[in-house]
N, C-alpha and C. Protein backbone atom coordinates (compact mmCIF):
# COMPACT_ATOMS: atom_id res chain seq x y z
N UNK A 1 0.84 -1.20 0.00
CA UNK A 1 0.00 0.00 0.00
C UNK A 1 0.87 1.25 0.00
N UNK A 2 0.59 2.14 -0.91
CA UNK A 2 1.29 3.41 -0.98
C UNK A 2 0.55 4.42 -0.11
N UNK A 3 1.00 4.57 1.13
CA UNK A 3 0.32 5.42 2.10
C UNK A 3 0.40 6.89 1.69
N UNK A 4 -0.75 7.57 1.77
CA UNK A 4 -0.80 9.00 1.47
C UNK A 4 -1.19 9.84 2.68
N UNK A 5 -1.85 9.23 3.66
CA UNK A 5 -2.32 9.98 4.83
C UNK A 5 -2.36 9.06 6.04
N UNK A 6 -1.86 9.58 7.17
CA UNK A 6 -1.99 8.88 8.45
C UNK A 6 -2.78 9.76 9.40
N UNK A 7 -3.85 9.21 9.95
CA UNK A 7 -4.72 9.94 10.87
C UNK A 7 -4.51 9.38 12.28
N UNK A 8 -3.97 10.21 13.16
CA UNK A 8 -3.67 9.82 14.53
C UNK A 8 -4.70 10.37 15.50
N UNK A 9 -5.03 9.58 16.49
CA UNK A 9 -5.81 10.07 17.64
C UNK A 9 -4.90 10.94 18.50
N UNK A 10 -5.50 11.70 19.41
CA UNK A 10 -4.73 12.55 20.32
C UNK A 10 -4.49 11.86 21.67
N UNK A 11 -5.32 12.14 22.68
CA UNK A 11 -5.07 11.66 24.05
C UNK A 11 -4.96 10.14 24.10
N UNK A 12 -3.85 9.67 24.65
CA UNK A 12 -3.62 8.24 24.80
C UNK A 12 -2.86 7.62 23.65
N UNK A 13 -2.89 8.27 22.49
CA UNK A 13 -2.18 7.76 21.32
C UNK A 13 -0.92 8.57 21.07
N UNK A 14 -1.09 9.85 20.80
CA UNK A 14 0.06 10.72 20.55
C UNK A 14 0.34 11.65 21.73
N UNK A 15 -0.62 11.79 22.63
CA UNK A 15 -0.50 12.68 23.78
C UNK A 15 -0.51 11.86 25.06
N UNK A 16 0.40 12.17 25.97
CA UNK A 16 0.45 11.48 27.26
C UNK A 16 -0.90 11.60 27.96
N UNK A 17 -1.36 10.51 28.53
CA UNK A 17 -2.62 10.55 29.26
C UNK A 17 -2.63 9.49 30.34
N UNK A 18 -2.50 9.93 31.57
CA UNK A 18 -2.54 9.03 32.73
C UNK A 18 -3.98 8.93 33.22
N UNK A 19 -4.87 8.56 32.30
CA UNK A 19 -6.31 8.53 32.56
C UNK A 19 -6.83 9.91 32.97
N UNK A 20 -6.14 10.95 32.51
CA UNK A 20 -6.53 12.32 32.87
C UNK A 20 -7.91 12.67 32.30
N UNK A 21 -8.15 12.29 31.04
CA UNK A 21 -9.42 12.63 30.41
C UNK A 21 -10.59 11.92 31.10
N UNK A 22 -10.53 10.59 31.31
CA UNK A 22 -11.65 9.96 32.01
C UNK A 22 -11.82 10.45 33.45
N UNK A 23 -10.74 10.86 34.11
CA UNK A 23 -10.86 11.39 35.48
C UNK A 23 -11.67 12.68 35.47
N UNK A 24 -11.39 13.57 34.52
CA UNK A 24 -12.14 14.83 34.42
C UNK A 24 -13.59 14.55 34.07
N UNK A 25 -13.81 13.60 33.17
CA UNK A 25 -15.18 13.23 32.80
C UNK A 25 -15.93 12.64 33.99
N UNK A 26 -15.25 11.79 34.73
CA UNK A 26 -15.84 11.19 35.93
C UNK A 26 -16.23 12.28 36.94
N UNK A 27 -15.35 13.24 37.16
CA UNK A 27 -15.62 14.33 38.09
C UNK A 27 -16.82 15.16 37.64
N UNK A 28 -16.91 15.41 36.34
CA UNK A 28 -18.02 16.20 35.80
C UNK A 28 -19.35 15.51 36.06
N UNK A 29 -19.38 14.18 35.91
CA UNK A 29 -20.62 13.43 36.14
C UNK A 29 -21.02 13.47 37.61
N UNK A 30 -20.05 13.41 38.50
CA UNK A 30 -20.32 13.44 39.94
C UNK A 30 -20.80 14.82 40.36
N UNK A 31 -20.07 15.85 39.94
CA UNK A 31 -20.34 17.21 40.40
C UNK A 31 -21.66 17.77 39.88
N UNK A 32 -21.96 17.54 38.61
CA UNK A 32 -23.14 18.15 38.01
C UNK A 32 -24.29 17.18 37.76
N UNK A 33 -23.96 15.91 37.61
CA UNK A 33 -25.01 14.94 37.31
C UNK A 33 -25.42 14.10 38.49
N UNK A 34 -24.61 14.16 39.58
CA UNK A 34 -24.90 13.36 40.76
C UNK A 34 -24.78 11.87 40.52
N UNK A 35 -23.97 11.50 39.52
CA UNK A 35 -23.80 10.09 39.16
C UNK A 35 -22.39 9.65 39.52
N UNK A 36 -22.29 8.61 40.31
CA UNK A 36 -20.98 8.09 40.72
C UNK A 36 -20.43 7.13 39.66
N UNK A 37 -20.04 7.71 38.56
CA UNK A 37 -19.45 6.93 37.47
C UNK A 37 -18.08 6.42 37.87
N UNK A 38 -17.80 5.17 37.59
CA UNK A 38 -16.47 4.62 37.89
C UNK A 38 -15.48 5.09 36.84
N UNK A 39 -14.21 5.09 37.20
CA UNK A 39 -13.17 5.48 36.26
C UNK A 39 -13.14 4.53 35.07
N UNK A 40 -13.40 3.25 35.30
CA UNK A 40 -13.41 2.28 34.21
C UNK A 40 -14.56 2.55 33.24
N UNK A 41 -15.73 2.91 33.77
CA UNK A 41 -16.86 3.23 32.90
C UNK A 41 -16.53 4.41 31.99
N UNK A 42 -15.89 5.43 32.57
CA UNK A 42 -15.51 6.60 31.78
C UNK A 42 -14.44 6.25 30.77
N UNK A 43 -13.48 5.43 31.16
CA UNK A 43 -12.40 5.03 30.27
C UNK A 43 -12.91 4.23 29.08
N UNK A 44 -13.89 3.38 29.33
CA UNK A 44 -14.45 2.55 28.26
C UNK A 44 -15.07 3.37 27.14
N UNK A 45 -15.44 4.61 27.44
CA UNK A 45 -16.10 5.46 26.45
C UNK A 45 -15.16 6.49 25.84
N UNK A 46 -13.87 6.34 26.08
CA UNK A 46 -12.92 7.26 25.47
C UNK A 46 -12.93 7.11 23.95
N UNK A 47 -12.76 8.23 23.28
CA UNK A 47 -12.69 8.23 21.82
C UNK A 47 -13.94 8.71 21.13
N UNK A 48 -15.09 8.54 21.79
CA UNK A 48 -16.34 8.99 21.18
C UNK A 48 -16.60 10.44 21.57
N UNK A 49 -17.50 11.14 20.85
CA UNK A 49 -17.80 12.53 21.23
C UNK A 49 -18.24 12.61 22.68
N UNK A 50 -17.72 13.58 23.40
CA UNK A 50 -17.97 13.63 24.84
C UNK A 50 -19.44 13.84 25.21
N UNK A 51 -20.24 14.63 24.48
CA UNK A 51 -21.66 14.70 24.83
C UNK A 51 -22.35 13.33 24.73
N UNK A 52 -21.95 12.52 23.77
CA UNK A 52 -22.51 11.18 23.63
C UNK A 52 -22.11 10.32 24.82
N UNK A 53 -20.84 10.42 25.22
CA UNK A 53 -20.37 9.67 26.38
C UNK A 53 -21.10 10.09 27.65
N UNK A 54 -21.31 11.38 27.82
CA UNK A 54 -22.00 11.89 29.00
C UNK A 54 -23.43 11.34 29.08
N UNK A 55 -24.13 11.36 27.97
CA UNK A 55 -25.50 10.83 27.95
C UNK A 55 -25.52 9.35 28.32
N UNK A 56 -24.57 8.59 27.79
CA UNK A 56 -24.50 7.15 28.08
C UNK A 56 -24.20 6.92 29.56
N UNK A 57 -23.29 7.70 30.15
CA UNK A 57 -22.93 7.53 31.55
C UNK A 57 -24.07 7.93 32.48
N UNK A 58 -24.83 8.94 32.09
CA UNK A 58 -26.01 9.31 32.88
C UNK A 58 -27.03 8.17 32.88
N UNK A 59 -27.26 7.60 31.71
CA UNK A 59 -28.21 6.49 31.61
C UNK A 59 -27.72 5.28 32.39
N UNK A 60 -26.44 4.98 32.29
CA UNK A 60 -25.87 3.84 33.03
C UNK A 60 -25.93 4.08 34.53
N UNK A 61 -25.93 5.36 34.93
CA UNK A 61 -25.99 5.70 36.34
C UNK A 61 -27.40 5.76 36.89
N UNK A 62 -28.39 5.42 36.07
CA UNK A 62 -29.76 5.35 36.53
C UNK A 62 -30.57 6.61 36.32
N UNK A 63 -29.99 7.60 35.64
CA UNK A 63 -30.72 8.83 35.36
C UNK A 63 -31.57 8.59 34.11
N UNK A 64 -32.84 8.46 34.29
CA UNK A 64 -33.73 8.10 33.17
C UNK A 64 -34.44 9.30 32.56
N UNK A 65 -34.43 10.41 33.29
CA UNK A 65 -35.12 11.60 32.78
C UNK A 65 -34.21 12.81 32.90
N UNK A 66 -33.78 13.34 31.78
CA UNK A 66 -32.94 14.53 31.78
C UNK A 66 -33.09 15.22 30.43
N UNK A 67 -32.76 16.51 30.38
CA UNK A 67 -32.85 17.22 29.12
C UNK A 67 -31.45 17.57 28.62
N UNK A 68 -31.41 18.13 27.44
CA UNK A 68 -30.13 18.44 26.82
C UNK A 68 -29.35 19.50 27.60
N UNK A 69 -30.07 20.32 28.40
CA UNK A 69 -29.38 21.35 29.17
C UNK A 69 -28.44 20.74 30.20
N UNK A 70 -28.82 19.59 30.77
CA UNK A 70 -27.95 18.92 31.73
C UNK A 70 -26.69 18.40 31.03
N UNK A 71 -26.88 17.79 29.86
CA UNK A 71 -25.72 17.29 29.10
C UNK A 71 -24.81 18.45 28.73
N UNK A 72 -25.40 19.55 28.31
CA UNK A 72 -24.61 20.73 27.94
C UNK A 72 -23.83 21.28 29.14
N UNK A 73 -24.47 21.30 30.31
CA UNK A 73 -23.80 21.81 31.51
C UNK A 73 -22.64 20.92 31.92
N UNK A 74 -22.84 19.62 31.87
CA UNK A 74 -21.77 18.68 32.23
C UNK A 74 -20.64 18.78 31.22
N UNK A 75 -21.00 18.89 29.94
CA UNK A 75 -19.97 19.01 28.91
C UNK A 75 -19.18 20.30 29.06
N UNK A 76 -19.87 21.40 29.41
CA UNK A 76 -19.19 22.67 29.61
C UNK A 76 -18.19 22.58 30.77
N UNK A 77 -18.58 21.90 31.81
CA UNK A 77 -17.70 21.68 32.96
C UNK A 77 -16.47 20.88 32.51
N UNK A 78 -16.72 19.83 31.74
CA UNK A 78 -15.63 19.00 31.22
C UNK A 78 -14.68 19.82 30.35
N UNK A 79 -15.24 20.60 29.42
CA UNK A 79 -14.43 21.40 28.51
C UNK A 79 -13.56 22.39 29.28
N UNK A 80 -14.17 23.12 30.22
CA UNK A 80 -13.43 24.12 30.98
C UNK A 80 -12.29 23.50 31.78
N UNK A 81 -12.54 22.35 32.37
CA UNK A 81 -11.51 21.70 33.17
C UNK A 81 -10.40 21.09 32.30
N UNK A 82 -10.77 20.57 31.14
CA UNK A 82 -9.74 20.03 30.23
C UNK A 82 -8.87 21.15 29.67
N UNK A 83 -9.48 22.30 29.36
CA UNK A 83 -8.70 23.44 28.87
C UNK A 83 -7.70 23.88 29.92
N UNK A 84 -8.15 23.98 31.17
CA UNK A 84 -7.23 24.35 32.25
C UNK A 84 -6.11 23.33 32.38
N UNK A 85 -6.46 22.05 32.27
CA UNK A 85 -5.45 20.99 32.40
C UNK A 85 -4.42 21.09 31.28
N UNK A 86 -4.89 21.18 30.04
CA UNK A 86 -3.96 21.23 28.92
C UNK A 86 -3.16 22.53 28.85
N UNK A 87 -3.69 23.58 29.44
CA UNK A 87 -2.98 24.86 29.42
C UNK A 87 -1.90 24.94 30.49
N UNK A 88 -2.15 24.34 31.67
CA UNK A 88 -1.26 24.59 32.80
C UNK A 88 -0.55 23.37 33.38
N UNK A 89 -1.09 22.17 33.22
CA UNK A 89 -0.53 21.03 33.93
C UNK A 89 0.85 20.65 33.37
N UNK A 90 1.80 20.43 34.27
CA UNK A 90 3.18 20.15 33.85
C UNK A 90 3.31 18.78 33.20
N UNK A 91 2.34 17.90 33.38
CA UNK A 91 2.44 16.55 32.82
C UNK A 91 2.06 16.48 31.34
N UNK A 92 1.49 17.56 30.81
CA UNK A 92 1.01 17.54 29.43
C UNK A 92 2.18 17.51 28.46
N UNK A 93 2.13 16.61 27.51
CA UNK A 93 3.17 16.52 26.50
C UNK A 93 2.89 15.39 25.55
N UNK A 94 3.67 15.30 24.49
CA UNK A 94 3.51 14.22 23.53
C UNK A 94 4.16 12.94 24.05
N UNK A 95 3.68 11.82 23.54
CA UNK A 95 4.28 10.55 23.87
C UNK A 95 5.60 10.38 23.10
N UNK A 96 6.39 9.44 23.54
CA UNK A 96 7.73 9.26 23.00
C UNK A 96 7.71 9.02 21.49
N UNK A 97 8.55 9.79 20.80
CA UNK A 97 8.76 9.58 19.37
C UNK A 97 7.71 10.15 18.44
N UNK A 98 6.76 10.89 18.97
CA UNK A 98 5.66 11.36 18.12
C UNK A 98 6.12 12.40 17.10
N UNK A 99 6.80 13.44 17.55
CA UNK A 99 7.26 14.47 16.61
C UNK A 99 8.17 13.89 15.54
N UNK A 100 9.03 12.98 15.96
CA UNK A 100 9.95 12.34 15.01
C UNK A 100 9.19 11.51 13.98
N UNK A 101 8.12 10.84 14.43
CA UNK A 101 7.30 10.05 13.52
C UNK A 101 6.58 10.95 12.52
N UNK A 102 5.98 12.04 13.02
CA UNK A 102 5.32 12.99 12.14
C UNK A 102 6.31 13.52 11.09
N UNK A 103 7.50 13.91 11.55
CA UNK A 103 8.51 14.48 10.65
C UNK A 103 8.95 13.47 9.59
N UNK A 104 9.09 12.21 9.98
CA UNK A 104 9.50 11.16 9.04
C UNK A 104 8.44 10.96 7.96
N UNK A 105 7.17 11.01 8.35
CA UNK A 105 6.08 10.88 7.39
C UNK A 105 6.07 12.08 6.43
N UNK A 106 6.19 13.26 6.99
CA UNK A 106 6.17 14.47 6.18
C UNK A 106 7.34 14.51 5.19
N UNK A 107 8.48 13.98 5.62
CA UNK A 107 9.68 14.01 4.79
C UNK A 107 9.49 13.27 3.47
N UNK A 108 8.67 12.21 3.50
CA UNK A 108 8.45 11.43 2.27
C UNK A 108 7.11 11.78 1.61
N UNK A 109 6.51 12.88 2.05
CA UNK A 109 5.31 13.37 1.38
C UNK A 109 4.00 12.79 1.86
N UNK A 110 4.02 12.08 2.98
CA UNK A 110 2.78 11.53 3.53
C UNK A 110 2.12 12.58 4.42
N UNK A 111 0.84 12.81 4.21
CA UNK A 111 0.10 13.79 5.00
C UNK A 111 -0.13 13.26 6.42
N UNK A 112 -0.12 14.18 7.39
CA UNK A 112 -0.33 13.83 8.79
C UNK A 112 -1.53 14.61 9.33
N UNK A 113 -2.48 13.88 9.90
CA UNK A 113 -3.66 14.52 10.49
C UNK A 113 -3.92 13.93 11.87
N UNK A 114 -4.64 14.67 12.69
CA UNK A 114 -5.12 14.14 13.97
C UNK A 114 -6.63 14.29 14.00
N UNK A 115 -7.29 13.31 14.63
CA UNK A 115 -8.72 13.44 14.88
C UNK A 115 -8.99 13.04 16.32
N UNK A 116 -10.13 13.48 16.85
CA UNK A 116 -10.33 13.36 18.29
C UNK A 116 -11.80 13.41 18.67
N UNK A 117 -12.10 12.82 19.82
CA UNK A 117 -13.43 12.92 20.40
C UNK A 117 -13.65 14.23 21.12
N UNK A 118 -12.59 15.04 21.25
CA UNK A 118 -12.73 16.38 21.82
C UNK A 118 -13.43 17.31 20.83
N UNK A 119 -13.91 18.45 21.34
CA UNK A 119 -14.41 19.47 20.44
C UNK A 119 -13.26 20.41 20.08
N UNK A 120 -13.54 21.38 19.19
CA UNK A 120 -12.48 22.26 18.70
C UNK A 120 -11.87 23.12 19.80
N UNK A 121 -12.67 23.51 20.77
CA UNK A 121 -12.18 24.39 21.83
C UNK A 121 -11.06 23.74 22.63
N UNK A 122 -11.24 22.50 23.04
CA UNK A 122 -10.20 21.78 23.78
C UNK A 122 -9.02 21.50 22.86
N UNK A 123 -9.30 21.06 21.65
CA UNK A 123 -8.24 20.66 20.73
C UNK A 123 -7.31 21.81 20.41
N UNK A 124 -7.84 23.00 20.20
CA UNK A 124 -6.99 24.15 19.91
C UNK A 124 -6.01 24.42 21.05
N UNK A 125 -6.50 24.31 22.27
CA UNK A 125 -5.64 24.55 23.43
C UNK A 125 -4.53 23.49 23.52
N UNK A 126 -4.90 22.24 23.26
CA UNK A 126 -3.92 21.16 23.32
C UNK A 126 -2.88 21.29 22.21
N UNK A 127 -3.33 21.56 21.00
CA UNK A 127 -2.38 21.68 19.89
C UNK A 127 -1.46 22.88 20.07
N UNK A 128 -1.98 23.95 20.65
CA UNK A 128 -1.14 25.11 20.94
C UNK A 128 -0.04 24.74 21.92
N UNK A 129 -0.39 23.96 22.94
CA UNK A 129 0.59 23.54 23.95
C UNK A 129 1.66 22.63 23.32
N UNK A 130 1.25 21.75 22.42
CA UNK A 130 2.18 20.78 21.82
C UNK A 130 3.07 21.41 20.75
N UNK A 131 2.57 22.42 20.07
CA UNK A 131 3.37 23.12 19.08
C UNK A 131 3.56 22.42 17.75
N UNK A 132 2.77 21.40 17.48
CA UNK A 132 2.94 20.65 16.22
C UNK A 132 2.63 21.50 15.00
N UNK A 133 1.58 22.29 15.08
CA UNK A 133 1.20 23.11 13.93
C UNK A 133 2.25 24.18 13.66
N UNK A 134 2.75 24.78 14.70
CA UNK A 134 3.76 25.84 14.56
C UNK A 134 5.02 25.29 13.90
N UNK A 135 5.32 24.02 14.16
CA UNK A 135 6.52 23.40 13.57
C UNK A 135 6.24 22.74 12.23
N UNK A 136 5.02 22.89 11.73
CA UNK A 136 4.68 22.36 10.42
C UNK A 136 4.56 20.85 10.35
N UNK A 137 4.19 20.22 11.47
CA UNK A 137 4.11 18.76 11.52
C UNK A 137 2.72 18.21 11.22
N UNK A 138 1.72 19.09 11.17
CA UNK A 138 0.35 18.65 10.91
C UNK A 138 -0.20 19.27 9.63
N UNK A 139 -0.92 18.45 8.87
CA UNK A 139 -1.61 18.96 7.70
C UNK A 139 -3.07 19.25 7.98
N UNK A 140 -3.64 18.61 9.01
CA UNK A 140 -5.05 18.82 9.34
C UNK A 140 -5.34 18.32 10.75
N UNK A 141 -6.34 18.91 11.37
CA UNK A 141 -6.89 18.40 12.63
C UNK A 141 -8.40 18.46 12.53
N UNK A 142 -9.05 17.37 12.95
CA UNK A 142 -10.50 17.27 12.83
C UNK A 142 -11.07 16.92 14.19
N UNK A 143 -12.10 17.63 14.62
CA UNK A 143 -12.71 17.40 15.92
C UNK A 143 -14.12 16.87 15.76
N UNK A 144 -14.63 16.24 16.80
CA UNK A 144 -15.92 15.55 16.69
C UNK A 144 -17.09 16.49 16.46
N UNK A 145 -16.93 17.77 16.83
CA UNK A 145 -18.03 18.71 16.62
C UNK A 145 -18.01 19.34 15.23
N UNK A 146 -17.06 18.92 14.40
CA UNK A 146 -16.96 19.47 13.05
C UNK A 146 -17.55 18.53 11.99
N UNK A 147 -18.05 17.39 12.42
CA UNK A 147 -18.64 16.42 11.50
C UNK A 147 -20.02 16.02 11.99
N UNK A 148 -20.80 15.41 11.11
CA UNK A 148 -22.16 15.01 11.48
C UNK A 148 -22.16 13.92 12.54
N UNK A 149 -21.21 12.99 12.43
CA UNK A 149 -21.15 11.86 13.35
C UNK A 149 -19.72 11.62 13.80
N UNK A 150 -19.52 11.56 15.12
CA UNK A 150 -18.20 11.24 15.65
C UNK A 150 -17.95 9.74 15.59
N UNK A 151 -16.83 9.32 16.16
CA UNK A 151 -16.53 7.88 16.21
C UNK A 151 -17.66 7.13 16.92
N UNK A 152 -17.90 5.88 16.50
CA UNK A 152 -17.13 5.06 15.57
C UNK A 152 -17.46 5.28 14.09
N UNK A 153 -18.29 6.27 13.78
CA UNK A 153 -18.56 6.59 12.38
C UNK A 153 -17.27 7.08 11.71
N UNK A 154 -17.16 6.94 10.40
CA UNK A 154 -15.92 7.29 9.70
C UNK A 154 -15.81 8.75 9.27
N UNK A 155 -16.75 9.58 9.71
CA UNK A 155 -16.84 10.95 9.18
C UNK A 155 -15.55 11.75 9.34
N UNK A 156 -14.88 11.64 10.48
CA UNK A 156 -13.67 12.45 10.70
C UNK A 156 -12.55 12.03 9.76
N UNK A 157 -12.45 10.74 9.45
CA UNK A 157 -11.44 10.29 8.49
C UNK A 157 -11.74 10.84 7.11
N UNK A 158 -13.00 10.78 6.71
CA UNK A 158 -13.37 11.32 5.40
C UNK A 158 -13.11 12.83 5.33
N UNK A 159 -13.34 13.53 6.44
CA UNK A 159 -13.07 14.97 6.48
C UNK A 159 -11.56 15.23 6.39
N UNK A 160 -10.76 14.40 7.05
CA UNK A 160 -9.30 14.53 6.96
C UNK A 160 -8.83 14.33 5.52
N UNK A 161 -9.43 13.36 4.84
CA UNK A 161 -9.09 13.12 3.43
C UNK A 161 -9.44 14.33 2.59
N UNK A 162 -10.61 14.90 2.84
CA UNK A 162 -11.05 16.07 2.08
C UNK A 162 -10.08 17.23 2.26
N UNK A 163 -9.67 17.45 3.51
CA UNK A 163 -8.81 18.60 3.81
C UNK A 163 -7.38 18.41 3.31
N UNK A 164 -6.96 17.17 3.09
CA UNK A 164 -5.59 16.92 2.65
C UNK A 164 -5.51 16.49 1.18
N UNK A 165 -6.66 16.41 0.51
CA UNK A 165 -6.67 16.08 -0.90
C UNK A 165 -6.43 14.62 -1.23
N UNK A 166 -6.68 13.74 -0.28
CA UNK A 166 -6.50 12.29 -0.49
C UNK A 166 -7.86 11.70 -0.87
N UNK A 167 -7.88 10.89 -1.92
CA UNK A 167 -9.16 10.38 -2.43
C UNK A 167 -9.35 8.88 -2.24
N UNK A 168 -8.27 8.14 -2.04
CA UNK A 168 -8.36 6.68 -1.90
C UNK A 168 -8.20 6.28 -0.44
N UNK A 169 -9.29 5.84 0.19
CA UNK A 169 -9.25 5.51 1.62
C UNK A 169 -8.33 4.32 1.91
N UNK A 170 -8.06 3.50 0.90
CA UNK A 170 -7.15 2.37 1.10
C UNK A 170 -5.71 2.84 1.30
N UNK A 171 -5.45 4.08 0.99
CA UNK A 171 -4.11 4.65 1.20
C UNK A 171 -4.05 5.49 2.48
N UNK A 172 -5.07 5.32 3.31
CA UNK A 172 -5.16 6.03 4.59
C UNK A 172 -4.90 5.05 5.72
N UNK A 173 -4.13 5.49 6.71
CA UNK A 173 -3.83 4.71 7.91
C UNK A 173 -4.50 5.38 9.10
N UNK A 174 -5.20 4.63 9.91
CA UNK A 174 -5.79 5.15 11.14
C UNK A 174 -5.02 4.58 12.33
N UNK A 175 -4.63 5.44 13.27
CA UNK A 175 -3.87 5.04 14.45
C UNK A 175 -4.58 5.57 15.70
N UNK A 176 -4.90 4.68 16.64
CA UNK A 176 -5.58 5.11 17.86
C UNK A 176 -5.43 4.10 18.98
N UNK A 177 -5.98 4.44 20.14
CA UNK A 177 -5.78 3.59 21.33
C UNK A 177 -7.08 3.09 21.95
N UNK A 178 -8.22 3.30 21.25
CA UNK A 178 -9.51 2.89 21.81
C UNK A 178 -10.30 2.04 20.81
N UNK A 179 -11.34 1.40 21.34
CA UNK A 179 -12.22 0.62 20.48
C UNK A 179 -12.83 1.49 19.39
N UNK A 180 -13.25 2.69 19.75
CA UNK A 180 -13.89 3.56 18.76
C UNK A 180 -12.92 3.98 17.65
N UNK A 181 -11.62 4.09 17.97
CA UNK A 181 -10.62 4.37 16.94
C UNK A 181 -10.55 3.23 15.93
N UNK A 182 -10.49 2.01 16.45
CA UNK A 182 -10.40 0.84 15.58
C UNK A 182 -11.65 0.70 14.72
N UNK A 183 -12.78 0.95 15.32
CA UNK A 183 -14.04 0.84 14.59
C UNK A 183 -14.15 1.95 13.54
N UNK A 184 -13.70 3.14 13.88
CA UNK A 184 -13.71 4.26 12.94
C UNK A 184 -12.89 3.94 11.70
N UNK A 185 -11.66 3.47 11.91
CA UNK A 185 -10.79 3.14 10.79
C UNK A 185 -11.34 2.02 9.93
N UNK A 186 -11.92 1.02 10.58
CA UNK A 186 -12.50 -0.11 9.86
C UNK A 186 -13.74 0.31 9.09
N UNK A 187 -14.59 1.11 9.72
CA UNK A 187 -15.80 1.59 9.05
C UNK A 187 -15.48 2.46 7.84
N UNK A 188 -14.36 3.18 7.93
CA UNK A 188 -13.95 4.02 6.80
C UNK A 188 -13.39 3.19 5.66
N UNK A 189 -12.82 2.01 5.99
CA UNK A 189 -12.18 1.18 4.98
C UNK A 189 -10.71 1.47 4.82
N UNK A 190 -10.06 1.99 5.88
CA UNK A 190 -8.64 2.33 5.82
C UNK A 190 -7.78 1.10 5.51
N UNK A 191 -6.69 1.34 4.79
CA UNK A 191 -5.79 0.27 4.44
C UNK A 191 -5.15 -0.38 5.64
N UNK A 192 -4.74 0.43 6.62
CA UNK A 192 -4.21 -0.05 7.88
C UNK A 192 -4.99 0.58 9.03
N UNK A 193 -5.30 -0.23 10.03
CA UNK A 193 -5.93 0.25 11.27
C UNK A 193 -5.04 -0.24 12.40
N UNK A 194 -4.32 0.69 13.03
CA UNK A 194 -3.27 0.34 13.98
C UNK A 194 -3.66 0.75 15.39
N UNK A 195 -3.68 -0.21 16.31
CA UNK A 195 -4.01 0.07 17.69
C UNK A 195 -2.77 0.28 18.53
N UNK A 196 -2.73 1.37 19.27
CA UNK A 196 -1.62 1.66 20.19
C UNK A 196 -2.01 1.14 21.56
N UNK A 197 -1.22 0.20 22.08
CA UNK A 197 -1.61 -0.56 23.27
C UNK A 197 -1.17 0.08 24.59
N UNK A 198 -0.59 1.27 24.52
CA UNK A 198 -0.14 1.94 25.75
C UNK A 198 -1.01 3.14 26.08
N UNK A 199 -2.28 3.09 25.66
CA UNK A 199 -3.20 4.19 25.92
C UNK A 199 -4.33 3.76 26.83
N UNK A 200 -5.55 4.15 26.47
CA UNK A 200 -6.71 3.91 27.34
C UNK A 200 -7.09 2.44 27.41
N UNK A 201 -6.85 1.69 26.34
CA UNK A 201 -7.24 0.28 26.29
C UNK A 201 -6.02 -0.62 26.41
N UNK A 202 -6.20 -1.75 27.05
CA UNK A 202 -5.13 -2.73 27.19
C UNK A 202 -4.95 -3.47 25.86
N UNK A 203 -3.80 -4.15 25.68
CA UNK A 203 -3.61 -4.95 24.47
C UNK A 203 -4.72 -5.98 24.28
N UNK A 204 -5.16 -6.58 25.37
CA UNK A 204 -6.21 -7.60 25.30
C UNK A 204 -7.52 -6.99 24.83
N UNK A 205 -7.84 -5.79 25.30
CA UNK A 205 -9.07 -5.13 24.88
C UNK A 205 -9.02 -4.75 23.40
N UNK A 206 -7.90 -4.19 22.98
CA UNK A 206 -7.78 -3.77 21.58
C UNK A 206 -7.77 -4.96 20.63
N UNK A 207 -7.20 -6.08 21.09
CA UNK A 207 -7.12 -7.26 20.23
C UNK A 207 -8.51 -7.77 19.83
N UNK A 208 -9.51 -7.44 20.63
CA UNK A 208 -10.88 -7.88 20.35
C UNK A 208 -11.55 -7.01 19.29
N UNK A 209 -10.95 -5.86 19.00
CA UNK A 209 -11.54 -4.92 18.05
C UNK A 209 -10.97 -5.14 16.65
N UNK A 210 -11.68 -4.72 15.62
CA UNK A 210 -11.16 -4.87 14.26
C UNK A 210 -9.91 -4.02 14.06
N UNK A 211 -8.86 -4.64 13.54
CA UNK A 211 -7.59 -3.92 13.36
C UNK A 211 -6.72 -4.71 12.38
N UNK A 212 -5.70 -4.06 11.86
CA UNK A 212 -4.72 -4.77 11.04
C UNK A 212 -3.44 -5.01 11.81
N UNK A 213 -3.10 -4.10 12.75
CA UNK A 213 -1.87 -4.22 13.52
C UNK A 213 -2.08 -3.64 14.93
N UNK A 214 -1.28 -4.13 15.87
CA UNK A 214 -1.17 -3.54 17.19
C UNK A 214 0.28 -3.14 17.42
N UNK A 215 0.49 -2.04 18.12
CA UNK A 215 1.84 -1.54 18.38
C UNK A 215 1.87 -0.90 19.76
N UNK A 216 3.04 -0.91 20.37
CA UNK A 216 3.18 -0.27 21.68
C UNK A 216 3.41 1.22 21.55
N UNK A 217 4.20 1.61 20.58
CA UNK A 217 4.58 3.01 20.42
C UNK A 217 4.24 3.52 19.03
N UNK A 218 4.03 4.83 18.95
CA UNK A 218 3.64 5.45 17.68
C UNK A 218 4.70 5.26 16.60
N UNK A 219 5.99 5.29 16.97
CA UNK A 219 7.02 5.18 15.94
C UNK A 219 7.03 3.84 15.22
N UNK A 220 6.36 2.84 15.78
CA UNK A 220 6.25 1.53 15.12
C UNK A 220 5.39 1.63 13.85
N UNK A 221 4.62 2.69 13.74
CA UNK A 221 3.81 2.91 12.54
C UNK A 221 4.71 2.97 11.30
N UNK A 222 5.88 3.56 11.45
CA UNK A 222 6.82 3.70 10.32
C UNK A 222 7.22 2.34 9.78
N UNK A 223 7.49 1.39 10.67
CA UNK A 223 7.85 0.04 10.24
C UNK A 223 6.66 -0.66 9.59
N UNK A 224 5.49 -0.50 10.18
CA UNK A 224 4.30 -1.17 9.65
C UNK A 224 3.99 -0.75 8.22
N UNK A 225 4.16 0.54 7.93
CA UNK A 225 3.83 1.01 6.58
C UNK A 225 5.04 0.95 5.64
N UNK A 226 6.16 0.44 6.14
CA UNK A 226 7.31 0.18 5.27
C UNK A 226 8.30 1.29 5.14
N UNK A 227 8.34 2.23 6.09
CA UNK A 227 9.30 3.35 6.00
C UNK A 227 10.58 3.09 6.79
N UNK A 228 10.50 2.31 7.86
CA UNK A 228 11.67 2.12 8.72
C UNK A 228 12.42 0.86 8.32
């Protein structure tokens, strides 16, 4: 396969995440929804649009009657706290070898994009902190609020293709660390769907999802697609 585009997930795949995102989501559900969501329940829903995850966690917590204003309030709490985290927390940074992997792909003319279950507001703050765009390492970033359907639907991959001028999905690689990442890449028909096993999901969990390869680190993508 002659790869033309690689679409990477953010938190847990290319960005360090010590369960920071599910912890903030868990706190939002407790503080505003009165639901004692477990950290595992929140982690299991990583990768999908956060309003969708919030609605599911409310339902799982026994909340049978609520309106969209409650979901919006919980999501606003989540967004504000994630922005503060990504702006100020000293632990925020890319995972090992990510910039080098992006640069290696760019060097041979392969487009690099990121997609995420975050909305644009959080993503802009995170990308600003990481500095990938300033260094010319990204060709596109797509957020779940910019498409009709977030993961596991393939919409964000198709939007990444549109923004980078790639027309053959078989020449697209999807890289992520959650079930929804694997499902997104498979639903799109990507040539490679690569699971990163050092993120939100364990190797055993990811192995159960549709994929072409599993890897521990992002730089292994280069070997899988034949560059290293």
